[in-house]
């Protein structure tokens, strides 16, 4: 097994995209790679900074890092992919990349609690996972979440996450974002 370090982390991430990117994305009509690449493209098209583009690109990498199989969600088990991904990446990338990744599920729960029309924008699969992830936030959770220094970035990433599920949308390959990812390795 190759030890992952700051010099080969980007190679490792690209390898994950190449080897496992064609796997299904939890009941959605896109693959995992399509979803993450589309999210990054949404961020770029919105004029996001490099950290947020990379966060969008890597936000669901935790689905690969943990040992809970995709079928666990169908069985009603939350796989905490946001924590797994953030924990995996935090030694290599700045908090401006990590915090939106760590909070993208919380942002969904938050938006469902504070935006009356957000829930209707969720896919069927996203509604299913919302229920596994705790449902909309309660008042105390909302107040705590609003203290996050990266609140705006977390919310932006959440919108791109929902928008990045179109099987017909053309998107850039990982190689398009590689130099940006490399530039943010700390």
Protein backbone atom coordinates (compact mmCIF):
# COMPACT_ATOMS: atom_id res chain seq x y z
CA UNK A 1 0.00 0.00 0.00
CA UNK A 2 1.35 3.41 -0.96
CA UNK A 3 1.59 5.92 1.86
CA UNK A 4 -0.40 9.03 1.05
CA UNK A 5 1.54 12.22 1.61
CA UNK A 6 1.38 15.83 0.51
CA UNK A 7 3.30 14.98 -2.64
CA UNK A 8 0.95 12.28 -3.90
CA UNK A 9 -2.44 13.21 -2.42
CA UNK A 10 -3.64 14.68 -5.73
CA UNK A 11 -2.57 11.54 -7.58
CA UNK A 12 -4.49 9.48 -5.03
CA UNK A 13 -7.62 11.60 -5.42
CA UNK A 14 -7.42 11.45 -9.21
CA UNK A 15 -6.98 7.69 -8.99
CA UNK A 16 -10.19 7.47 -6.93
CA UNK A 17 -12.05 9.46 -9.59
CA UNK A 18 -10.65 7.22 -12.34
CA UNK A 19 -11.17 3.86 -10.63
CA UNK A 20 -14.38 4.43 -8.74
CA UNK A 21 -15.98 7.48 -10.29
CA UNK A 22 -18.31 5.44 -12.49
CA UNK A 23 -20.03 3.98 -9.43
CA UNK A 24 -23.64 4.95 -8.91
CA UNK A 25 -24.46 7.93 -6.76
CA UNK A 26 -26.89 6.69 -4.14
CA UNK A 27 -30.03 6.46 -6.24
CA UNK A 28 -29.35 9.49 -8.44
CA UNK A 29 -29.20 9.40 -12.25
CA UNK A 30 -25.51 10.40 -12.29
CA UNK A 31 -22.33 8.64 -11.26
CA UNK A 32 -20.26 9.79 -8.30
CA UNK A 33 -17.69 11.40 -10.60
CA UNK A 34 -20.34 13.15 -12.69
CA UNK A 35 -21.89 14.55 -9.54
CA UNK A 36 -18.67 15.89 -8.03
CA UNK A 37 -17.36 17.24 -11.33
CA UNK A 38 -20.69 18.95 -12.03
CA UNK A 39 -20.66 20.50 -8.55
CA UNK A 40 -17.18 21.90 -9.19
CA UNK A 41 -18.29 23.25 -12.54
CA UNK A 42 -21.33 24.89 -10.90
CA UNK A 43 -18.98 26.54 -8.40
CA UNK A 44 -16.65 27.74 -11.14
CA UNK A 45 -19.52 29.09 -13.25
CA UNK A 46 -20.81 30.95 -10.19
CA UNK A 47 -17.47 32.74 -9.80
CA UNK A 48 -16.46 30.92 -6.62
CA UNK A 49 -12.90 31.14 -5.39
CA UNK A 50 -10.48 28.25 -5.77
CA UNK A 51 -11.06 26.85 -2.29
CA UNK A 52 -14.79 26.58 -2.84
CA UNK A 53 -14.38 25.04 -6.29
CA UNK A 54 -12.11 22.36 -4.80
CA UNK A 55 -14.57 21.85 -1.91
CA UNK A 56 -17.33 21.30 -4.47
CA UNK A 57 -15.12 18.89 -6.41
CA UNK A 58 -14.24 16.82 -3.34
CA UNK A 59 -17.38 17.22 -1.20
CA UNK A 60 -18.51 13.60 -1.57
CA UNK A 61 -15.14 11.85 -1.53
CA UNK A 62 -16.06 10.49 1.89
CA UNK A 63 -18.36 8.01 0.17
CA UNK A 64 -15.16 6.29 -0.95
CA UNK A 65 -13.18 6.65 2.26
CA UNK A 66 -15.41 4.85 4.72
CA UNK A 67 -16.20 1.17 4.87
CA UNK A 68 -19.98 1.44 4.91
CA UNK A 69 -21.23 0.22 1.53
CA UNK A 70 -23.60 2.28 -0.59
CA UNK A 71 -26.39 -0.18 0.19
CA UNK A 72 -26.25 0.91 3.84
CA UNK A 73 -28.17 4.06 3.00
CA UNK A 74 -30.91 1.99 1.42
CA UNK A 75 -31.06 0.05 4.68
CA UNK A 76 -31.51 3.24 6.69
CA UNK A 77 -27.94 3.76 7.92
CA UNK A 78 -26.26 7.17 7.73
CA UNK A 79 -22.68 6.74 6.47
CA UNK A 80 -21.44 10.17 7.69
CA UNK A 81 -19.58 10.69 4.43
CA UNK A 82 -19.15 14.40 5.12
CA UNK A 83 -17.07 13.67 8.24
CA UNK A 84 -15.16 10.85 6.57
CA UNK A 85 -14.24 13.10 3.64
CA UNK A 86 -13.29 16.08 5.79
CA UNK A 87 -11.24 13.92 8.15
CA UNK A 88 -9.42 12.32 5.23
CA UNK A 89 -8.62 15.64 3.52
CA UNK A 90 -7.91 17.93 6.47
CA UNK A 91 -4.20 17.05 6.66
CA UNK A 92 -3.73 18.15 3.05
CA UNK A 93 -6.03 21.13 2.43
CA UNK A 94 -6.88 24.41 4.20
CA UNK A 95 -9.98 24.86 6.35
CA UNK A 96 -11.53 26.92 3.53
CA UNK A 97 -11.78 23.66 1.56
CA UNK A 98 -12.51 21.35 4.50
CA UNK A 99 -15.26 23.22 6.35
CA UNK A 100 -17.75 23.37 3.45
CA UNK A 101 -17.14 19.64 2.88
CA UNK A 102 -17.66 18.88 6.57
CA UNK A 103 -20.85 20.95 6.69
CA UNK A 104 -22.58 20.20 3.38
CA UNK A 105 -25.02 17.76 4.99
CA UNK A 106 -25.69 20.18 7.84
CA UNK A 107 -26.32 22.87 5.23
CA UNK A 108 -29.03 20.69 3.68
CA UNK A 109 -30.64 20.21 7.08
CA UNK A 110 -30.32 23.96 7.72
CA UNK A 111 -31.83 25.03 4.41
CA UNK A 112 -34.74 22.63 4.87
CA UNK A 113 -35.43 24.32 8.21
CA UNK A 114 -35.08 27.97 7.18
CA UNK A 115 -36.08 28.09 3.48
CA UNK A 116 -39.65 26.97 2.94
CA UNK A 117 -39.08 26.11 -0.74
CA UNK A 118 -35.74 24.30 -0.39
CA UNK A 119 -37.19 20.92 0.54
CA UNK A 120 -39.17 20.86 -2.72
CA UNK A 121 -35.93 21.23 -4.68
CA UNK A 122 -34.47 18.01 -3.25
CA UNK A 123 -34.30 14.85 -5.32
CA UNK A 124 -36.06 11.75 -4.03
CA UNK A 125 -32.67 10.28 -3.03
CA UNK A 126 -31.72 13.50 -1.23
CA UNK A 127 -34.99 13.46 0.73
CA UNK A 128 -34.24 9.86 1.73
CA UNK A 129 -30.76 10.74 2.97
CA UNK A 130 -32.10 13.88 4.71
CA UNK A 131 -34.28 11.64 6.85
CA UNK A 132 -31.27 9.45 7.70
CA UNK A 133 -29.18 12.52 8.47
CA UNK A 134 -31.56 13.88 11.11
CA UNK A 135 -34.12 15.80 9.07
CA UNK A 136 -34.45 19.59 9.16
CA UNK A 137 -32.57 21.32 11.97
CA UNK A 138 -34.33 22.40 15.14
CA UNK A 139 -34.01 25.95 16.50
CA UNK A 140 -30.94 25.18 18.63
CA UNK A 141 -29.17 23.49 15.72
CA UNK A 142 -29.99 26.46 13.47
CA UNK A 143 -28.51 28.95 15.94
CA UNK A 144 -25.37 26.86 16.33
CA UNK A 145 -24.95 26.34 12.58
CA UNK A 146 -25.32 30.07 11.90
CA UNK A 147 -22.19 30.69 14.01
CA UNK A 148 -20.04 28.89 11.41
CA UNK A 149 -17.44 31.22 9.90
CA UNK A 150 -17.98 29.46 6.54
CA UNK A 151 -21.78 29.59 6.60
CA UNK A 152 -22.11 31.28 3.19
CA UNK A 153 -19.69 28.85 1.56
CA UNK A 154 -21.48 25.85 3.09
CA UNK A 155 -24.81 27.06 1.75
CA UNK A 156 -23.41 27.74 -1.71
CA UNK A 157 -21.92 24.26 -1.84
CA UNK A 158 -25.26 22.78 -0.81
CA UNK A 159 -27.07 24.45 -3.70
CA UNK A 160 -24.43 23.24 -6.16
CA UNK A 161 -24.71 19.76 -4.66
CA UNK A 162 -28.41 19.64 -5.51
CA UNK A 163 -27.84 21.16 -8.95
CA UNK A 164 -25.13 18.62 -9.87
CA UNK A 165 -27.36 15.67 -10.70
CA UNK A 166 -28.04 15.99 -14.42
CA UNK A 167 -26.96 12.91 -16.43
CA UNK A 168 -27.01 14.97 -19.65
CA UNK A 169 -24.88 17.89 -18.43
CA UNK A 170 -21.43 18.09 -19.98
CA UNK A 171 -18.64 18.71 -17.49
CA UNK A 172 -14.89 18.98 -17.33
CA UNK A 173 -12.76 15.94 -16.41
CA UNK A 174 -10.78 15.83 -13.18
CA UNK A 175 -7.64 16.83 -15.09
CA UNK A 176 -9.22 20.24 -15.77
CA UNK A 177 -9.25 20.95 -12.01
CA UNK A 178 -5.97 19.21 -11.17
CA UNK A 179 -3.73 22.31 -11.12
CA UNK A 180 -6.20 24.10 -8.88
CA UNK A 181 -6.35 21.14 -6.49
CA UNK A 182 -2.53 20.97 -6.44
CA UNK A 183 -2.29 24.70 -5.71
CA UNK A 184 -4.30 24.27 -2.52
CA UNK A 185 -2.39 21.36 -1.01
CA UNK A 186 -0.82 22.80 2.13
